[in-house]
Amino acid sequence: MISPALTDLTKTSFDPELTPGAFNAVNTCLRIQPSEKVTVITDNDCREIAASIANELVKVGSPFKAFVLEDLAPRPLADLPPDVASDMETSQVSIFAVHAQRNELKSRMQMTDIVNRRKMRHAHMVNINHQIMLEGMRADFNRVDALSKQVIEIVSAAKVISAKNPAGSDFNTTLNPNYRWVKTSGIISPDKWGNLPGGEVFTTPGEVNGTYVVDGVVGDYLCEKYQDLARQPLTIRMKNNRITEVSSDNKALEEEFWNYTHTDENSHLVGEFAIGTNFQLKQVIGQILQDEKFPGLHIAFGNPYGAHTGADWYSSTHIDVVGTRFDIWVDGRQIMEKGRFLIEV
């Protein structure tokens, strides 16, 4: 008999078109073995996608337990439910396919704290949907990983990275040699959990100065609210790695983004500096989970993921911003032109 805290996802029907993406998640990205136990965390919105993933786990023969968040606690979550945390303590792999709600970042950080401490392989699929399963999750992640390795080899020794785009972005980034670059290409290892779909390399910058024009999307719950910003971009001015000004014709977005990035004393700092490497993505779709992997240069304000980059500061918030059609130079060498890599794939 299944515990009230658990859900039998094998009884949930799903669109067979989800199967290729689910197969990729289980077999290519996480490389789950029959001997490994898996914790599957989902919610009512993403239950069908989680069921397609559970179906692949059954094929592999891996034991798993599944939790639907609404069965455990009121949403938005104040904390990670104890039943989930307890099960993760006995698993080698975890999969988080959930539609994010406002003010749930704390509970997700509690989850990734367990992942980091136990060195679990963890697939972070926040706001996964059908479109992403049929697009980004069908990528050839082995090829994306090969490109990511080439990019990280170039940027790891760099001192300065500069970028511009037609929307008006123009900024320079001085890198801190004490901070590590991290590859999250979709091939997930115990050393670093990863978002799925994957395709980026990132670090914490030393210092960013200049202007970033967001003509793609902003992250967290603001992504769903405002979606594609091509018609009403958000302009962010930065000095000494700090936001000094934001502006947009969409005043509600301008105010909400400013307030979000001033939640705590470090929320306005650039915590993540990243290059998207999923070259098989063709356009921004208004979903941060996939759009931050789009070829280009995106940044995030707030938490620097110091456990991985080596940054020695912290923030309770983290919000990505994505622009499009970037030109990127690494120590004067151009590696991207209008969003197209100038590197052999």
C-alpha atoms as a PDB file:
ATOM      1  CA  MET A   1       0.000   0.000   0.000  1.00  0.00           C
ATOM      2  CA  ILE A   2       1.334   3.435  -0.958  1.00  0.00           C
ATOM      3  CA  SER A   3       1.914   5.885   1.901  1.00  0.00           C
ATOM      4  CA  PRO A   4      -0.347   8.984   1.828  1.00  0.00           C
ATOM      5  CA  ALA A   5       2.837  11.016   1.297  1.00  0.00           C
ATOM      6  CA  LEU A   6       3.668   9.100  -1.893  1.00  0.00           C
ATOM      7  CA  THR A   7       2.093   9.119  -5.327  1.00  0.00           C
ATOM      8  CA  ASP A   8       1.970   6.242  -7.825  1.00  0.00           C
ATOM      9  CA  LEU A   9       2.919   8.073 -11.021  1.00  0.00           C
ATOM     10  CA  THR A  10       2.723   4.819 -12.996  1.00  0.00           C
ATOM     11  CA  LYS A  11      -1.079   5.191 -12.909  1.00  0.00           C
ATOM     12  CA  THR A  12      -0.975   8.693 -14.461  1.00  0.00           C
ATOM     13  CA  SER A  13      -1.470   8.737 -18.230  1.00  0.00           C
ATOM     14  CA  PHE A  14       0.752  10.996 -20.376  1.00  0.00           C
ATOM     15  CA  ASP A  15       1.191  12.196 -23.948  1.00  0.00           C
ATOM     16  CA  PRO A  16       3.566   9.772 -25.734  1.00  0.00           C
ATOM     17  CA  GLU A  17       5.233  12.800 -27.355  1.00  0.00           C
ATOM     18  CA  LEU A  18       6.843  13.389 -23.937  1.00  0.00           C
ATOM     19  CA  THR A  19       8.721  10.096 -24.135  1.00  0.00           C
ATOM     20  CA  PRO A  20      11.846  11.202 -26.109  1.00  0.00           C
ATOM     21  CA  GLY A  21      12.525  14.046 -23.648  1.00  0.00           C
ATOM     22  CA  ALA A  22      11.868  11.795 -20.656  1.00  0.00           C
ATOM     23  CA  PHE A  23      14.214   9.153 -22.105  1.00  0.00           C
ATOM     24  CA  ASN A  24      16.894  11.817 -22.520  1.00  0.00           C
ATOM     25  CA  ALA A  25      16.496  12.944 -18.900  1.00  0.00           C
ATOM     26  CA  VAL A  26      16.793   9.460 -17.408  1.00  0.00           C
ATOM     27  CA  ASN A  27      19.273   7.799 -19.756  1.00  0.00           C
ATOM     28  CA  THR A  28      21.435  10.534 -21.315  1.00  0.00           C
ATOM     29  CA  CYS A  29      21.467  13.337 -18.744  1.00  0.00           C
ATOM     30  CA  LEU A  30      21.279  11.453 -15.441  1.00  0.00           C
ATOM     31  CA  ARG A  31      22.454   8.028 -16.685  1.00  0.00           C
ATOM     32  CA  ILE A  32      20.448   6.308 -13.977  1.00  0.00           C
ATOM     33  CA  GLN A  33      21.369   2.702 -13.207  1.00  0.00           C
ATOM     34  CA  PRO A  34      19.029  -0.077 -11.982  1.00  0.00           C
ATOM     35  CA  SER A  35      20.845  -0.151  -8.643  1.00  0.00           C
ATOM     36  CA  GLU A  36      20.194   3.534  -7.897  1.00  0.00           C
ATOM     37  CA  LYS A  37      17.242   4.879  -5.925  1.00  0.00           C
ATOM     38  CA  VAL A  38      15.550   8.040  -7.221  1.00  0.00           C
ATOM     39  CA  THR A  39      13.401  10.706  -5.529  1.00  0.00           C
ATOM     40  CA  VAL A  40      10.882  12.268  -7.931  1.00  0.00           C
ATOM     41  CA  ILE A  41       9.324  15.577  -6.829  1.00  0.00           C
ATOM     42  CA  THR A  42       6.485  17.112  -8.825  1.00  0.00           C
ATOM     43  CA  ASP A  43       3.228  19.036  -8.480  1.00  0.00           C
ATOM     44  CA  ASN A  44      -0.224  18.963 -10.018  1.00  0.00           C
ATOM     45  CA  ASP A  45       0.807  21.165 -12.952  1.00  0.00           C
ATOM     46  CA  CYS A  46       3.782  18.999 -13.956  1.00  0.00           C
ATOM     47  CA  ARG A  47       2.402  15.620 -12.938  1.00  0.00           C
ATOM     48  CA  GLU A  48       1.985  14.357 -16.519  1.00  0.00           C
ATOM     49  CA  ILE A  49       5.622  15.155 -17.337  1.00  0.00           C
ATOM     50  CA  ALA A  50       6.772  13.483 -14.125  1.00  0.00           C
ATOM     51  CA  ALA A  51       4.721  10.422 -15.110  1.00  0.00           C
ATOM     52  CA  SER A  52       6.573  10.205 -18.436  1.00  0.00           C
ATOM     53  CA  ILE A  53       9.861  10.296 -16.517  1.00  0.00           C
ATOM     54  CA  ALA A  54       8.612   7.674 -14.053  1.00  0.00           C
ATOM     55  CA  ASN A  55       7.772   5.435 -17.014  1.00  0.00           C
ATOM     56  CA  GLU A  56      11.427   5.600 -18.103  1.00  0.00           C
ATOM     57  CA  LEU A  57      12.566   4.765 -14.569  1.00  0.00           C
ATOM     58  CA  VAL A  58      10.365   1.670 -14.664  1.00  0.00           C
ATOM     59  CA  LYS A  59      12.028   0.632 -17.944  1.00  0.00           C
ATOM     60  CA  VAL A  60      15.476   1.079 -16.390  1.00  0.00           C
ATOM     61  CA  GLY A  61      14.434  -0.892 -13.329  1.00  0.00           C
ATOM     62  CA  SER A  62      15.465   1.801 -10.857  1.00  0.00           C
ATOM     63  CA  PRO A  63      13.480   1.991  -7.593  1.00  0.00           C
ATOM     64  CA  PHE A  64      11.915   5.413  -7.002  1.00  0.00           C
ATOM     65  CA  LYS A  65       9.502   7.262  -4.761  1.00  0.00           C
ATOM     66  CA  ALA A  66       7.356  10.102  -6.081  1.00  0.00           C
ATOM     67  CA  PHE A  67       5.900  13.082  -4.233  1.00  0.00           C
ATOM     68  CA  VAL A  68       3.281  15.586  -5.400  1.00  0.00           C
ATOM     69  CA  LEU A  69       3.842  18.779  -3.414  1.00  0.00           C
ATOM     70  CA  GLU A  70       0.150  19.668  -3.029  1.00  0.00           C
ATOM     71  CA  ASP A  71      -0.331  16.344  -1.223  1.00  0.00           C
ATOM     72  CA  LEU A  72       2.256  17.341   1.373  1.00  0.00           C
ATOM     73  CA  ALA A  73       1.900  21.043   2.206  1.00  0.00           C
ATOM     74  CA  PRO A  74       0.127  24.263   1.197  1.00  0.00           C
ATOM     75  CA  ARG A  75       1.586  26.167  -1.767  1.00  0.00           C
ATOM     76  CA  PRO A  76       3.610  28.295  -1.948  1.00  0.00           C
ATOM     77  CA  LEU A  77       5.931  26.145   0.147  1.00  0.00           C
ATOM     78  CA  ALA A  78       7.397  27.758   3.256  1.00  0.00           C
ATOM     79  CA  ASP A  79       9.938  24.929   3.558  1.00  0.00           C
ATOM     80  CA  LEU A  80      10.850  21.681   1.841  1.00  0.00           C
ATOM     81  CA  PRO A  81       8.397  19.026   3.123  1.00  0.00           C
ATOM     82  CA  PRO A  82      10.091  16.683   5.622  1.00  0.00           C
ATOM     83  CA  ASP A  83       8.923  13.562   3.751  1.00  0.00           C
ATOM     84  CA  VAL A  84      10.756  14.738   0.641  1.00  0.00           C
ATOM     85  CA  ALA A  85      13.890  15.676   2.565  1.00  0.00           C
ATOM     86  CA  SER A  86      13.911  12.317   4.357  1.00  0.00           C
ATOM     87  CA  ASP A  87      13.579  10.343   1.137  1.00  0.00           C
ATOM     88  CA  MET A  88      16.367  12.324  -0.545  1.00  0.00           C
ATOM     89  CA  GLU A  89      18.688  11.224   2.262  1.00  0.00           C
ATOM     90  CA  THR A  90      18.467   7.648   0.931  1.00  0.00           C
ATOM     91  CA  SER A  91      18.587   8.398  -2.818  1.00  0.00           C
ATOM     92  CA  GLN A  92      21.454   8.740  -5.255  1.00  0.00           C
ATOM     93  CA  VAL A  93      19.405  10.769  -7.761  1.00  0.00           C
ATOM     94  CA  SER A  94      16.613  13.338  -7.512  1.00  0.00           C
ATOM     95  CA  ILE A  95      14.343  14.882 -10.142  1.00  0.00           C
ATOM     96  CA  PHE A  96      12.445  18.107  -9.484  1.00  0.00           C
ATOM     97  CA  ALA A  97       9.715  18.788 -12.074  1.00  0.00           C
ATOM     98  CA  VAL A  98       7.598  21.549 -10.564  1.00  0.00           C
ATOM     99  CA  HIS A  99       5.794  24.732 -11.583  1.00  0.00           C
ATOM    100  CA  ALA A 100       7.430  27.385  -9.370  1.00  0.00           C
ATOM    101  CA  GLN A 101       5.353  29.691  -7.214  1.00  0.00           C
ATOM    102  CA  ARG A 102       6.313  33.014  -5.704  1.00  0.00           C
ATOM    103  CA  ASN A 103       8.408  32.921  -2.515  1.00  0.00           C
ATOM    104  CA  GLU A 104       9.390  29.239  -2.882  1.00  0.00           C
ATOM    105  CA  LEU A 105      13.082  29.842  -3.530  1.00  0.00           C
ATOM    106  CA  LYS A 106      13.902  29.056   0.111  1.00  0.00           C
ATOM    107  CA  SER A 107      12.426  25.558  -0.168  1.00  0.00           C
ATOM    108  CA  ARG A 108      14.342  24.912  -3.403  1.00  0.00           C
ATOM    109  CA  MET A 109      17.575  26.026  -1.725  1.00  0.00           C
ATOM    110  CA  GLN A 110      16.872  23.608   1.136  1.00  0.00           C
ATOM    111  CA  MET A 111      16.527  20.858  -1.456  1.00  0.00           C
ATOM    112  CA  THR A 112      19.754  21.723  -3.281  1.00  0.00           C
ATOM    113  CA  ASP A 113      21.557  21.953   0.064  1.00  0.00           C
ATOM    114  CA  ILE A 114      20.804  18.236   0.497  1.00  0.00           C
ATOM    115  CA  VAL A 115      21.889  17.568  -3.089  1.00  0.00           C
ATOM    116  CA  ASN A 116      25.188  19.412  -2.592  1.00  0.00           C
ATOM    117  CA  ARG A 117      25.942  17.808   0.763  1.00  0.00           C
ATOM    118  CA  ARG A 118      25.232  14.273  -0.450  1.00  0.00           C
ATOM    119  CA  LYS A 119      26.649  14.822  -3.954  1.00  0.00           C
ATOM    120  CA  MET A 120      23.494  13.558  -5.592  1.00  0.00           C
ATOM    121  CA  ARG A 121      22.839  13.749  -9.313  1.00  0.00           C
ATOM    122  CA  HIS A 122      19.932  16.160  -9.447  1.00  0.00           C
ATOM    123  CA  ALA A 123      17.803  17.288 -12.405  1.00  0.00           C
ATOM    124  CA  HIS A 124      16.268  20.706 -11.724  1.00  0.00           C
ATOM    125  CA  MET A 125      13.276  21.101 -14.051  1.00  0.00           C
ATOM    126  CA  VAL A 126      11.537  24.175 -12.677  1.00  0.00           C
ATOM    127  CA  ASN A 127       8.590  25.275 -14.842  1.00  0.00           C
ATOM    128  CA  ILE A 128       9.076  22.405 -17.267  1.00  0.00           C
ATOM    129  CA  ASN A 129       6.228  22.227 -19.788  1.00  0.00           C
ATOM    130  CA  HIS A 130       5.186  20.381 -22.945  1.00  0.00           C
ATOM    131  CA  GLN A 131       6.949  22.799 -25.278  1.00  0.00           C
ATOM    132  CA  ILE A 132      10.266  22.447 -23.446  1.00  0.00           C
ATOM    133  CA  MET A 133       9.928  18.651 -23.373  1.00  0.00           C
ATOM    134  CA  LEU A 134       9.372  18.667 -27.147  1.00  0.00           C
ATOM    135  CA  GLU A 135      12.183  21.178 -27.879  1.00  0.00           C
ATOM    136  CA  GLY A 136      15.005  21.661 -25.389  1.00  0.00           C
ATOM    137  CA  MET A 137      14.729  18.199 -23.849  1.00  0.00           C
ATOM    138  CA  ARG A 138      15.146  16.572 -27.273  1.00  0.00           C
ATOM    139  CA  ALA A 139      18.580  18.122 -27.819  1.00  0.00           C
ATOM    140  CA  ASP A 140      21.633  15.962 -28.431  1.00  0.00           C
ATOM    141  CA  PHE A 141      23.172  16.637 -25.036  1.00  0.00           C
ATOM    142  CA  ASN A 142      26.379  14.814 -25.879  1.00  0.00           C
ATOM    143  CA  ARG A 143      27.014  17.384 -28.627  1.00  0.00           C
ATOM    144  CA  VAL A 144      25.945  20.235 -26.334  1.00  0.00           C
ATOM    145  CA  ASP A 145      28.411  18.888 -23.767  1.00  0.00           C
ATOM    146  CA  ALA A 146      31.208  18.792 -26.361  1.00  0.00           C
ATOM    147  CA  LEU A 147      30.623  22.459 -27.230  1.00  0.00           C
ATOM    148  CA  SER A 148      30.385  23.382 -23.538  1.00  0.00           C
ATOM    149  CA  LYS A 149      33.784  21.790 -22.917  1.00  0.00           C
ATOM    150  CA  GLN A 150      35.309  23.890 -25.701  1.00  0.00           C
ATOM    151  CA  VAL A 151      33.763  27.088 -24.341  1.00  0.00           C
ATOM    152  CA  ILE A 152      34.839  26.449 -20.757  1.00  0.00           C
ATOM    153  CA  GLU A 153      38.391  25.735 -21.916  1.00  0.00           C
ATOM    154  CA  ILE A 154      38.484  29.167 -23.580  1.00  0.00           C
ATOM    155  CA  VAL A 155      36.889  31.193 -20.773  1.00  0.00           C
ATOM    156  CA  SER A 156      38.603  29.503 -17.817  1.00  0.00           C
ATOM    157  CA  ALA A 157      41.888  31.282 -18.557  1.00  0.00           C
ATOM    158  CA  ALA A 158      40.273  34.601 -19.529  1.00  0.00           C
ATOM    159  CA  LYS A 159      40.709  37.929 -17.792  1.00  0.00           C
ATOM    160  CA  VAL A 160      38.025  40.018 -19.536  1.00  0.00           C
ATOM    161  CA  ILE A 161      34.857  39.138 -21.434  1.00  0.00           C
ATOM    162  CA  SER A 162      33.000  41.818 -23.397  1.00  0.00           C
ATOM    163  CA  ALA A 163      29.568  41.609 -24.984  1.00  0.00           C
ATOM    164  CA  LYS A 164      27.155  43.653 -27.081  1.00  0.00           C
ATOM    165  CA  ASN A 165      23.826  43.046 -28.760  1.00  0.00           C
ATOM    166  CA  PRO A 166      21.577  44.991 -31.165  1.00  0.00           C
ATOM    167  CA  ALA A 167      19.109  45.780 -28.370  1.00  0.00           C
ATOM    168  CA  GLY A 168      21.717  48.021 -26.725  1.00  0.00           C
ATOM    169  CA  SER A 169      23.679  45.774 -24.367  1.00  0.00           C
ATOM    170  CA  ASP A 170      27.303  46.854 -23.975  1.00  0.00           C
ATOM    171  CA  PHE A 171      29.295  45.681 -20.975  1.00  0.00           C
ATOM    172  CA  ASN A 172      32.677  44.428 -19.828  1.00  0.00           C
ATOM    173  CA  THR A 173      33.314  41.749 -17.253  1.00  0.00           C
ATOM    174  CA  THR A 174      36.543  41.365 -15.314  1.00  0.00           C
ATOM    175  CA  LEU A 175      36.847  37.790 -14.101  1.00  0.00           C
ATOM    176  CA  ASN A 176      38.060  36.696 -10.682  1.00  0.00           C
ATOM    177  CA  PRO A 177      40.718  33.954 -11.016  1.00  0.00           C
ATOM    178  CA  ASN A 178      39.683  32.610  -7.609  1.00  0.00           C
ATOM    179  CA  TYR A 179      36.197  31.741  -8.862  1.00  0.00           C
ATOM    180  CA  ARG A 180      35.595  28.518 -10.759  1.00  0.00           C
ATOM    181  CA  TRP A 181      33.754  28.064 -14.036  1.00  0.00           C
ATOM    182  CA  VAL A 182      31.050  25.380 -13.947  1.00  0.00           C
ATOM    183  CA  LYS A 183      29.661  23.352 -16.844  1.00  0.00           C
ATOM    184  CA  THR A 184      25.977  22.389 -16.786  1.00  0.00           C
ATOM    185  CA  SER A 185      25.577  21.002 -20.271  1.00  0.00           C
ATOM    186  CA  GLY A 186      22.779  18.551 -19.572  1.00  0.00           C
ATOM    187  CA  ILE A 187      25.168  15.740 -18.613  1.00  0.00           C
ATOM    188  CA  ILE A 188      24.695  15.754 -14.834  1.00  0.00           C
ATOM    189  CA  SER A 189      27.386  14.574 -12.425  1.00  0.00           C
ATOM    190  CA  PRO A 190      27.645  14.305  -8.631  1.00  0.00           C
ATOM    191  CA  ASP A 191      29.874  17.404  -8.674  1.00  0.00           C
ATOM    192  CA  LYS A 192      27.141  19.799  -9.858  1.00  0.00           C
ATOM    193  CA  TRP A 193      23.399  19.399 -10.103  1.00  0.00           C
ATOM    194  CA  GLY A 194      21.966  20.826 -13.285  1.00  0.00           C
ATOM    195  CA  ASN A 195      18.900  22.352 -14.860  1.00  0.00           C
ATOM    196  CA  LEU A 196      17.212  20.355 -17.588  1.00  0.00           C
ATOM    197  CA  PRO A 197      17.252  21.098 -20.394  1.00  0.00           C
ATOM    198  CA  GLY A 198      20.950  21.844 -20.002  1.00  0.00           C
ATOM    199  CA  GLY A 199      23.422  23.917 -21.941  1.00  0.00           C
ATOM    200  CA  GLU A 200      25.477  26.600 -20.199  1.00  0.00           C
ATOM    201  CA  VAL A 201      28.795  27.366 -18.540  1.00  0.00           C
ATOM    202  CA  PHE A 202      28.890  29.877 -15.708  1.00  0.00           C
ATOM    203  CA  THR A 203      30.956  31.497 -12.998  1.00  0.00           C
ATOM    204  CA  THR A 204      30.662  34.322 -10.499  1.00  0.00           C
ATOM    205  CA  PRO A 205      32.169  37.445 -12.083  1.00  0.00           C
ATOM    206  CA  GLY A 206      34.768  39.610 -10.473  1.00  0.00           C
ATOM    207  CA  GLU A 207      33.154  42.817 -11.686  1.00  0.00           C
ATOM    208  CA  VAL A 208      30.604  43.773 -14.350  1.00  0.00           C
ATOM    209  CA  ASN A 209      30.295  47.319 -15.714  1.00  0.00           C
ATOM    210  CA  GLY A 210      27.977  48.615 -18.404  1.00  0.00           C
ATOM    211  CA  THR A 211      24.464  48.043 -19.733  1.00  0.00           C
ATOM    212  CA  TYR A 212      22.507  44.832 -20.192  1.00  0.00           C
ATOM    213  CA  VAL A 213      19.301  45.104 -22.223  1.00  0.00           C
ATOM    214  CA  VAL A 214      16.938  42.211 -21.558  1.00  0.00           C
ATOM    215  CA  ASP A 215      15.061  41.606 -24.809  1.00  0.00           C
ATOM    216  CA  GLY A 216      14.510  37.937 -23.925  1.00  0.00           C
ATOM    217  CA  VAL A 217      13.165  37.023 -20.490  1.00  0.00           C
ATOM    218  CA  VAL A 218      13.673  37.586 -16.774  1.00  0.00           C
ATOM    219  CA  GLY A 219      13.679  34.683 -14.338  1.00  0.00           C
ATOM    220  CA  ASP A 220      11.884  33.240 -11.323  1.00  0.00           C
ATOM    221  CA  TYR A 221       8.134  33.899 -11.099  1.00  0.00           C
ATOM    222  CA  LEU A 222       8.514  37.112 -13.124  1.00  0.00           C
ATOM    223  CA  CYS A 223       9.193  35.007 -16.227  1.00  0.00           C
ATOM    224  CA  GLU A 224       5.677  33.605 -16.415  1.00  0.00           C
ATOM    225  CA  LYS A 225       4.181  36.971 -15.546  1.00  0.00           C
ATOM    226  CA  TYR A 226       5.984  39.031 -18.213  1.00  0.00           C
ATOM    227  CA  GLN A 227       7.270  36.363 -20.654  1.00  0.00           C
ATOM    228  CA  ASP A 228       9.014  37.552 -23.861  1.00  0.00           C
ATOM    229  CA  LEU A 229      10.331  41.121 -23.451  1.00  0.00           C
ATOM    230  CA  ALA A 230      11.203  41.757 -27.119  1.00  0.00           C
ATOM    231  CA  ARG A 231       8.587  44.540 -27.407  1.00  0.00           C
ATOM    232  CA  GLN A 232       9.248  46.109 -24.004  1.00  0.00           C
ATOM    233  CA  PRO A 233      12.870  45.363 -23.014  1.00  0.00           C
ATOM    234  CA  LEU A 234      14.269  45.929 -19.548  1.00  0.00           C
ATOM    235  CA  THR A 235      17.470  47.991 -19.424  1.00  0.00           C
ATOM    236  CA  ILE A 236      19.825  47.344 -16.501  1.00  0.00           C
ATOM    237  CA  ARG A 237      22.826  49.567 -15.795  1.00  0.00           C
ATOM    238  CA  MET A 238      25.635  48.167 -13.660  1.00  0.00           C
ATOM    239  CA  LYS A 239      28.723  49.604 -12.000  1.00  0.00           C
ATOM    240  CA  ASN A 240      31.211  47.721  -9.833  1.00  0.00           C
ATOM    241  CA  ASN A 241      29.057  44.585 -10.158  1.00  0.00           C
ATOM    242  CA  ARG A 242      25.969  46.334  -8.763  1.00  0.00           C
ATOM    243  CA  ILE A 243      22.703  47.431 -10.310  1.00  0.00           C
ATOM    244  CA  THR A 244      22.568  51.237 -10.397  1.00  0.00           C
ATOM    245  CA  GLU A 245      19.453  51.730 -12.518  1.00  0.00           C
ATOM    246  CA  VAL A 246      16.675  49.787 -14.267  1.00  0.00           C
ATOM    247  CA  SER A 247      14.235  51.146 -16.830  1.00  0.00           C
ATOM    248  CA  SER A 248      11.483  49.857 -19.102  1.00  0.00           C
ATOM    249  CA  ASP A 249       8.381  51.112 -20.847  1.00  0.00           C
ATOM    250  CA  ASN A 250       6.653  48.431 -18.779  1.00  0.00           C
ATOM    251  CA  LYS A 251       6.690  50.277 -15.450  1.00  0.00           C
ATOM    252  CA  ALA A 252       5.186  47.361 -13.527  1.00  0.00           C
ATOM    253  CA  LEU A 253       8.074  45.143 -14.616  1.00  0.00           C
ATOM    254  CA  GLU A 254      10.578  47.898 -13.849  1.00  0.00           C
ATOM    255  CA  GLU A 255       9.276  48.314 -10.305  1.00  0.00           C
ATOM    256  CA  GLU A 256       8.874  44.630  -9.582  1.00  0.00           C
ATOM    257  CA  PHE A 257      12.344  43.762 -10.876  1.00  0.00           C
ATOM    258  CA  TRP A 258      13.907  46.590  -8.853  1.00  0.00           C
ATOM    259  CA  ASN A 259      12.154  45.428  -5.686  1.00  0.00           C
ATOM    260  CA  TYR A 260      13.152  41.794  -6.288  1.00  0.00           C
ATOM    261  CA  THR A 261      16.806  42.737  -6.739  1.00  0.00           C
ATOM    262  CA  HIS A 262      16.762  44.743  -3.512  1.00  0.00           C
ATOM    263  CA  THR A 263      15.327  42.035  -1.257  1.00  0.00           C
ATOM    264  CA  ASP A 264      18.524  41.733   0.761  1.00  0.00           C
ATOM    265  CA  GLU A 265      21.905  43.455   0.851  1.00  0.00           C
ATOM    266  CA  ASN A 266      23.344  41.301  -1.949  1.00  0.00           C
ATOM    267  CA  SER A 267      20.301  40.817  -4.191  1.00  0.00           C
ATOM    268  CA  HIS A 268      21.525  43.565  -6.561  1.00  0.00           C
ATOM    269  CA  LEU A 269      24.972  42.017  -7.111  1.00  0.00           C
ATOM    270  CA  VAL A 270      25.785  40.044 -10.254  1.00  0.00           C
ATOM    271  CA  GLY A 271      26.108  36.529  -8.851  1.00  0.00           C
ATOM    272  CA  GLU A 272      26.129  34.526 -12.072  1.00  0.00           C
ATOM    273  CA  PHE A 273      27.810  35.197 -15.414  1.00  0.00           C
ATOM    274  CA  ALA A 274      26.918  32.570 -18.001  1.00  0.00           C
ATOM    275  CA  ILE A 275      27.174  31.595 -21.649  1.00  0.00           C
ATOM    276  CA  GLY A 276      24.332  29.539 -23.102  1.00  0.00           C
ATOM    277  CA  THR A 277      25.578  26.567 -25.135  1.00  0.00           C
ATOM    278  CA  ASN A 278      22.462  24.678 -26.291  1.00  0.00           C
ATOM    279  CA  PHE A 279      23.093  25.524 -29.946  1.00  0.00           C
ATOM    280  CA  GLN A 280      20.110  23.416 -31.045  1.00  0.00           C
ATOM    281  CA  LEU A 281      17.654  25.961 -29.618  1.00  0.00           C
ATOM    282  CA  LYS A 282      16.361  28.270 -32.340  1.00  0.00           C
ATOM    283  CA  GLN A 283      14.510  31.032 -30.471  1.00  0.00           C
ATOM    284  CA  VAL A 284      13.538  32.427 -27.084  1.00  0.00           C
ATOM    285  CA  ILE A 285      10.154  31.047 -26.010  1.00  0.00           C
ATOM    286  CA  GLY A 286       9.420  33.021 -22.827  1.00  0.00           C
ATOM    287  CA  GLN A 287      10.418  30.227 -20.410  1.00  0.00           C
ATOM    288  CA  ILE A 288      13.583  30.812 -18.371  1.00  0.00           C
ATOM    289  CA  LEU A 289      14.333  27.099 -17.888  1.00  0.00           C
ATOM    290  CA  GLN A 290      14.985  26.754 -21.607  1.00  0.00           C
ATOM    291  CA  ASP A 291      15.781  30.331 -22.607  1.00  0.00           C
ATOM    292  CA  GLU A 292      18.846  30.677 -20.354  1.00  0.00           C
ATOM    293  CA  LYS A 293      20.421  27.833 -22.364  1.00  0.00           C
ATOM    294  CA  PHE A 294      19.877  29.740 -25.637  1.00  0.00           C
ATOM    295  CA  PRO A 295      23.216  30.671 -27.258  1.00  0.00           C
ATOM    296  CA  GLY A 296      24.227  34.034 -25.807  1.00  0.00           C
ATOM    297  CA  LEU A 297      25.392  35.646 -22.600  1.00  0.00           C
ATOM    298  CA  HIS A 298      23.059  35.874 -19.624  1.00  0.00           C
ATOM    299  CA  ILE A 299      23.607  37.046 -16.064  1.00  0.00           C
ATOM    300  CA  ALA A 300      21.803  36.627 -12.768  1.00  0.00           C
ATOM    301  CA  PHE A 301      21.555  38.879  -9.748  1.00  0.00           C
ATOM    302  CA  GLY A 302      21.748  37.481  -6.242  1.00  0.00           C
ATOM    303  CA  ASN A 303      22.944  34.087  -5.020  1.00  0.00           C
ATOM    304  CA  PRO A 304      26.291  33.200  -6.682  1.00  0.00           C
ATOM    305  CA  TYR A 305      26.070  29.431  -6.053  1.00  0.00           C
ATOM    306  CA  GLY A 306      29.252  29.765  -4.029  1.00  0.00           C
ATOM    307  CA  ALA A 307      29.405  26.049  -3.222  1.00  0.00           C
ATOM    308  CA  HIS A 308      30.303  25.552  -6.886  1.00  0.00           C
ATOM    309  CA  THR A 309      31.954  28.797  -8.021  1.00  0.00           C
ATOM    310  CA  GLY A 310      33.884  29.502  -4.820  1.00  0.00           C
ATOM    311  CA  ALA A 311      32.254  32.898  -4.246  1.00  0.00           C
ATOM    312  CA  ASP A 312      32.297  33.768  -0.551  1.00  0.00           C
ATOM    313  CA  TRP A 313      29.071  35.772  -0.322  1.00  0.00           C
ATOM    314  CA  TYR A 314      25.383  34.888  -0.244  1.00  0.00           C
ATOM    315  CA  SER A 315      21.944  36.181  -1.182  1.00  0.00           C
ATOM    316  CA  SER A 316      18.498  34.756  -0.488  1.00  0.00           C
ATOM    317  CA  THR A 317      17.420  35.609  -4.052  1.00  0.00           C
ATOM    318  CA  HIS A 318      18.536  34.695  -7.574  1.00  0.00           C
ATOM    319  CA  ILE A 319      17.053  36.046 -10.803  1.00  0.00           C
ATOM    320  CA  ASP A 320      18.357  35.484 -14.330  1.00  0.00           C
ATOM    321  CA  VAL A 321      18.056  37.895 -17.248  1.00  0.00           C
ATOM    322  CA  VAL A 322      18.412  36.788 -20.877  1.00  0.00           C
ATOM    323  CA  GLY A 323      19.180  38.888 -23.934  1.00  0.00           C
ATOM    324  CA  THR A 324      19.486  37.785 -27.552  1.00  0.00           C
ATOM    325  CA  ARG A 325      21.792  38.037 -30.608  1.00  0.00           C
ATOM    326  CA  PHE A 326      24.990  38.631 -28.650  1.00  0.00           C
ATOM    327  CA  ASP A 327      28.481  39.290 -29.921  1.00  0.00           C
ATOM    328  CA  ILE A 328      30.993  37.993 -27.339  1.00  0.00           C
ATOM    329  CA  TRP A 329      34.748  38.603 -27.067  1.00  0.00           C
ATOM    330  CA  VAL A 330      37.045  36.695 -24.693  1.00  0.00           C
ATOM    331  CA  ASP A 331      40.274  38.634 -24.126  1.00  0.00           C
ATOM    332  CA  GLY A 332      39.718  40.203 -27.526  1.00  0.00           C
ATOM    333  CA  ARG A 333      38.922  36.952 -29.356  1.00  0.00           C
ATOM    334  CA  GLN A 334      35.401  36.884 -30.765  1.00  0.00           C
ATOM    335  CA  ILE A 335      33.664  33.588 -30.003  1.00  0.00           C
ATOM    336  CA  MET A 336      30.076  34.541 -30.896  1.00  0.00           C
ATOM    337  CA  GLU A 337      28.490  36.738 -33.545  1.00  0.00           C
ATOM    338  CA  LYS A 338      24.779  37.630 -33.373  1.00  0.00           C
ATOM    339  CA  GLY A 339      24.101  34.575 -31.232  1.00  0.00           C
ATOM    340  CA  ARG A 340      26.061  32.134 -33.405  1.00  0.00           C
ATOM    341  CA  PHE A 341      29.150  30.426 -32.029  1.00  0.00           C
ATOM    342  CA  LEU A 342      32.346  30.947 -34.000  1.00  0.00           C
ATOM    343  CA  ILE A 343      33.619  27.648 -32.614  1.00  0.00           C
ATOM    344  CA  GLU A 344      33.470  24.313 -34.411  1.00  0.00           C
ATOM    345  CA  VAL A 345      30.806  22.059 -32.895  1.00  0.00           C
END
